[in-house]
Amino acid sequence: MQAAVSKHESGETQGIVYRTTCQNPGCGFQFDLRITPANAGLLSGSMPCPRCKRHGGFLKPQGRIGDKLFAAKLLFRLTGVGPSIRDEEDLMGGDSRY
């Protein structure tokens, strides 16, 4: 799955932009991810970081920064380790009750 990394361009107003920071240790790359109806699936699946290329990152929204501009973190899980309650809370945005 290819991520739609974009810069703020005056001509593009469709969709919303997530200003995203990779949380992979040693990376910390910050990029803008434009979400449109065509690529809205990126919000529910995993994606690689454009810089470190590590796969398995999930977007965790951090809130609104401005008009159609939101903050998000790209979080990664350890490979081969089952999810803990804390991991589920991080990915689901808080309390994970069944």
C-alpha atoms as a PDB file:
ATOM      1  CA  MET A   1       0.000   0.000   0.000  1.00  0.00           C
ATOM      2  CA  GLN A   2       1.504   3.312  -1.060  1.00  0.00           C
ATOM      3  CA  ALA A   3       1.143   6.261   1.340  1.00  0.00           C
ATOM      4  CA  ALA A   4       0.122   9.605  -0.114  1.00  0.00           C
ATOM      5  CA  VAL A   5       2.779  11.870   1.338  1.00  0.00           C
ATOM      6  CA  SER A   6       2.182  15.482   0.425  1.00  0.00           C
ATOM      7  CA  LYS A   7       3.404  18.972   1.097  1.00  0.00           C
ATOM      8  CA  HIS A   8       0.957  21.807   1.696  1.00  0.00           C
ATOM      9  CA  GLU A   9       0.227  23.061  -1.784  1.00  0.00           C
ATOM     10  CA  SER A  10      -2.127  25.953  -2.353  1.00  0.00           C
ATOM     11  CA  GLY A  11      -3.943  24.205  -5.218  1.00  0.00           C
ATOM     12  CA  GLU A  12      -4.880  21.059  -3.267  1.00  0.00           C
ATOM     13  CA  THR A  13      -7.841  21.500  -0.941  1.00  0.00           C
ATOM     14  CA  GLN A  14      -9.486  18.074  -1.160  1.00  0.00           C
ATOM     15  CA  GLY A  15      -9.347  15.915   1.965  1.00  0.00           C
ATOM     16  CA  ILE A  16      -7.695  16.479   5.309  1.00  0.00           C
ATOM     17  CA  VAL A  17      -4.015  16.427   6.251  1.00  0.00           C
ATOM     18  CA  TYR A  18      -2.495  14.465   9.122  1.00  0.00           C
ATOM     19  CA  ARG A  19       0.847  15.935  10.216  1.00  0.00           C
ATOM     20  CA  THR A  20       2.473  12.675  11.240  1.00  0.00           C
ATOM     21  CA  THR A  21       5.586  11.802  13.245  1.00  0.00           C
ATOM     22  CA  CYS A  22       7.153   8.335  13.033  1.00  0.00           C
ATOM     23  CA  GLN A  23       7.536   6.859  16.530  1.00  0.00           C
ATOM     24  CA  ASN A  24      10.008   4.192  15.413  1.00  0.00           C
ATOM     25  CA  PRO A  25      13.094   4.483  17.680  1.00  0.00           C
ATOM     26  CA  GLY A  26      15.831   6.346  15.835  1.00  0.00           C
ATOM     27  CA  CYS A  27      13.570   7.804  13.137  1.00  0.00           C
ATOM     28  CA  GLY A  28      11.257  10.632  14.259  1.00  0.00           C
ATOM     29  CA  PHE A  29      10.542  11.646  10.642  1.00  0.00           C
ATOM     30  CA  GLN A  30       7.731  14.212  10.344  1.00  0.00           C
ATOM     31  CA  PHE A  31       5.568  14.236   7.212  1.00  0.00           C
ATOM     32  CA  ASP A  32       2.124  15.291   6.013  1.00  0.00           C
ATOM     33  CA  LEU A  33      -0.330  12.593   4.966  1.00  0.00           C
ATOM     34  CA  ARG A  34      -3.283  13.823   2.855  1.00  0.00           C
ATOM     35  CA  ILE A  35      -6.389  11.676   3.395  1.00  0.00           C
ATOM     36  CA  THR A  36      -9.023  11.748   0.643  1.00  0.00           C
ATOM     37  CA  PRO A  37     -11.980   9.439  -0.046  1.00  0.00           C
ATOM     38  CA  ALA A  38      -9.720   7.481  -2.415  1.00  0.00           C
ATOM     39  CA  ASN A  39      -7.131   6.581   0.258  1.00  0.00           C
ATOM     40  CA  ALA A  40      -9.232   6.659   3.466  1.00  0.00           C
ATOM     41  CA  GLY A  41      -8.242   3.014   4.092  1.00  0.00           C
ATOM     42  CA  LEU A  42      -4.867   4.265   5.347  1.00  0.00           C
ATOM     43  CA  LEU A  43      -6.577   5.305   8.574  1.00  0.00           C
ATOM     44  CA  SER A  44      -7.572   1.736   9.461  1.00  0.00           C
ATOM     45  CA  GLY A  45      -4.592  -0.264   8.212  1.00  0.00           C
ATOM     46  CA  SER A  46      -0.866  -0.374   8.703  1.00  0.00           C
ATOM     47  CA  MET A  47       1.593   1.621   6.635  1.00  0.00           C
ATOM     48  CA  PRO A  48       5.360   2.054   6.274  1.00  0.00           C
ATOM     49  CA  CYS A  49       7.253   5.177   7.253  1.00  0.00           C
ATOM     50  CA  PRO A  50       8.441   7.016   4.098  1.00  0.00           C
ATOM     51  CA  ARG A  51      11.909   7.546   5.605  1.00  0.00           C
ATOM     52  CA  CYS A  52      12.873   4.440   7.639  1.00  0.00           C
ATOM     53  CA  LYS A  53      10.669   2.148   5.464  1.00  0.00           C
ATOM     54  CA  ARG A  54       9.654   0.083   8.499  1.00  0.00           C
ATOM     55  CA  HIS A  55       6.272  -1.583   7.896  1.00  0.00           C
ATOM     56  CA  GLY A  56       3.488  -2.067  10.424  1.00  0.00           C
ATOM     57  CA  GLY A  57       2.903   1.490  11.619  1.00  0.00           C
ATOM     58  CA  PHE A  58      -0.583   2.540  12.683  1.00  0.00           C
ATOM     59  CA  LEU A  59      -1.800   6.146  12.786  1.00  0.00           C
ATOM     60  CA  LYS A  60      -2.912   7.383  16.200  1.00  0.00           C
ATOM     61  CA  PRO A  61      -4.736  10.729  15.920  1.00  0.00           C
ATOM     62  CA  GLN A  62      -3.541  13.413  18.340  1.00  0.00           C
ATOM     63  CA  GLY A  63      -6.171  16.093  17.643  1.00  0.00           C
ATOM     64  CA  ARG A  64      -6.833  19.087  15.420  1.00  0.00           C
ATOM     65  CA  ILE A  65      -4.053  21.604  14.687  1.00  0.00           C
ATOM     66  CA  GLY A  66      -5.926  23.843  12.258  1.00  0.00           C
ATOM     67  CA  ASP A  67      -8.603  23.867   9.544  1.00  0.00           C
ATOM     68  CA  LYS A  68      -8.445  20.418   7.911  1.00  0.00           C
ATOM     69  CA  LEU A  69      -5.073  19.821   9.636  1.00  0.00           C
ATOM     70  CA  PHE A  70      -4.707  17.138  12.306  1.00  0.00           C
ATOM     71  CA  ALA A  71      -1.768  15.730  14.269  1.00  0.00           C
ATOM     72  CA  ALA A  72      -1.023  11.999  14.376  1.00  0.00           C
ATOM     73  CA  LYS A  73       1.689   9.587  15.476  1.00  0.00           C
ATOM     74  CA  LEU A  74       2.811   6.562  13.487  1.00  0.00           C
ATOM     75  CA  LEU A  75       3.108   3.799  16.128  1.00  0.00           C
ATOM     76  CA  PHE A  76       4.767   0.407  15.646  1.00  0.00           C
ATOM     77  CA  ARG A  77       4.232  -2.891  17.472  1.00  0.00           C
ATOM     78  CA  LEU A  78       6.984  -5.361  18.272  1.00  0.00           C
ATOM     79  CA  THR A  79       7.054  -8.226  15.790  1.00  0.00           C
ATOM     80  CA  GLY A  80       6.232 -11.659  17.187  1.00  0.00           C
ATOM     81  CA  VAL A  81       4.778 -10.309  20.426  1.00  0.00           C
ATOM     82  CA  GLY A  82       1.085 -10.513  21.224  1.00  0.00           C
ATOM     83  CA  PRO A  83      -0.776  -7.264  21.862  1.00  0.00           C
ATOM     84  CA  SER A  84      -0.988  -6.106  25.445  1.00  0.00           C
ATOM     85  CA  ILE A  85      -3.873  -4.144  26.909  1.00  0.00           C
ATOM     86  CA  ARG A  86      -1.714  -0.994  26.702  1.00  0.00           C
ATOM     87  CA  ASP A  87      -1.085  -1.549  22.944  1.00  0.00           C
ATOM     88  CA  GLU A  88      -4.809  -1.838  22.284  1.00  0.00           C
ATOM     89  CA  GLU A  89      -5.505   1.342  24.264  1.00  0.00           C
ATOM     90  CA  ASP A  90      -2.870   3.227  22.258  1.00  0.00           C
ATOM     91  CA  LEU A  91      -4.258   2.094  18.915  1.00  0.00           C
ATOM     92  CA  MET A  92      -7.932   2.430  19.770  1.00  0.00           C
ATOM     93  CA  GLY A  93      -7.608   5.862  21.340  1.00  0.00           C
ATOM     94  CA  GLY A  94      -8.279   5.142  24.975  1.00  0.00           C
ATOM     95  CA  ASP A  95     -10.353   2.668  26.903  1.00  0.00           C
ATOM     96  CA  SER A  96     -10.726  -0.717  25.186  1.00  0.00           C
ATOM     97  CA  ARG A  97     -13.777  -2.382  26.715  1.00  0.00           C
ATOM     98  CA  TYR A  98     -15.504  -5.353  25.141  1.00  0.00           C
END
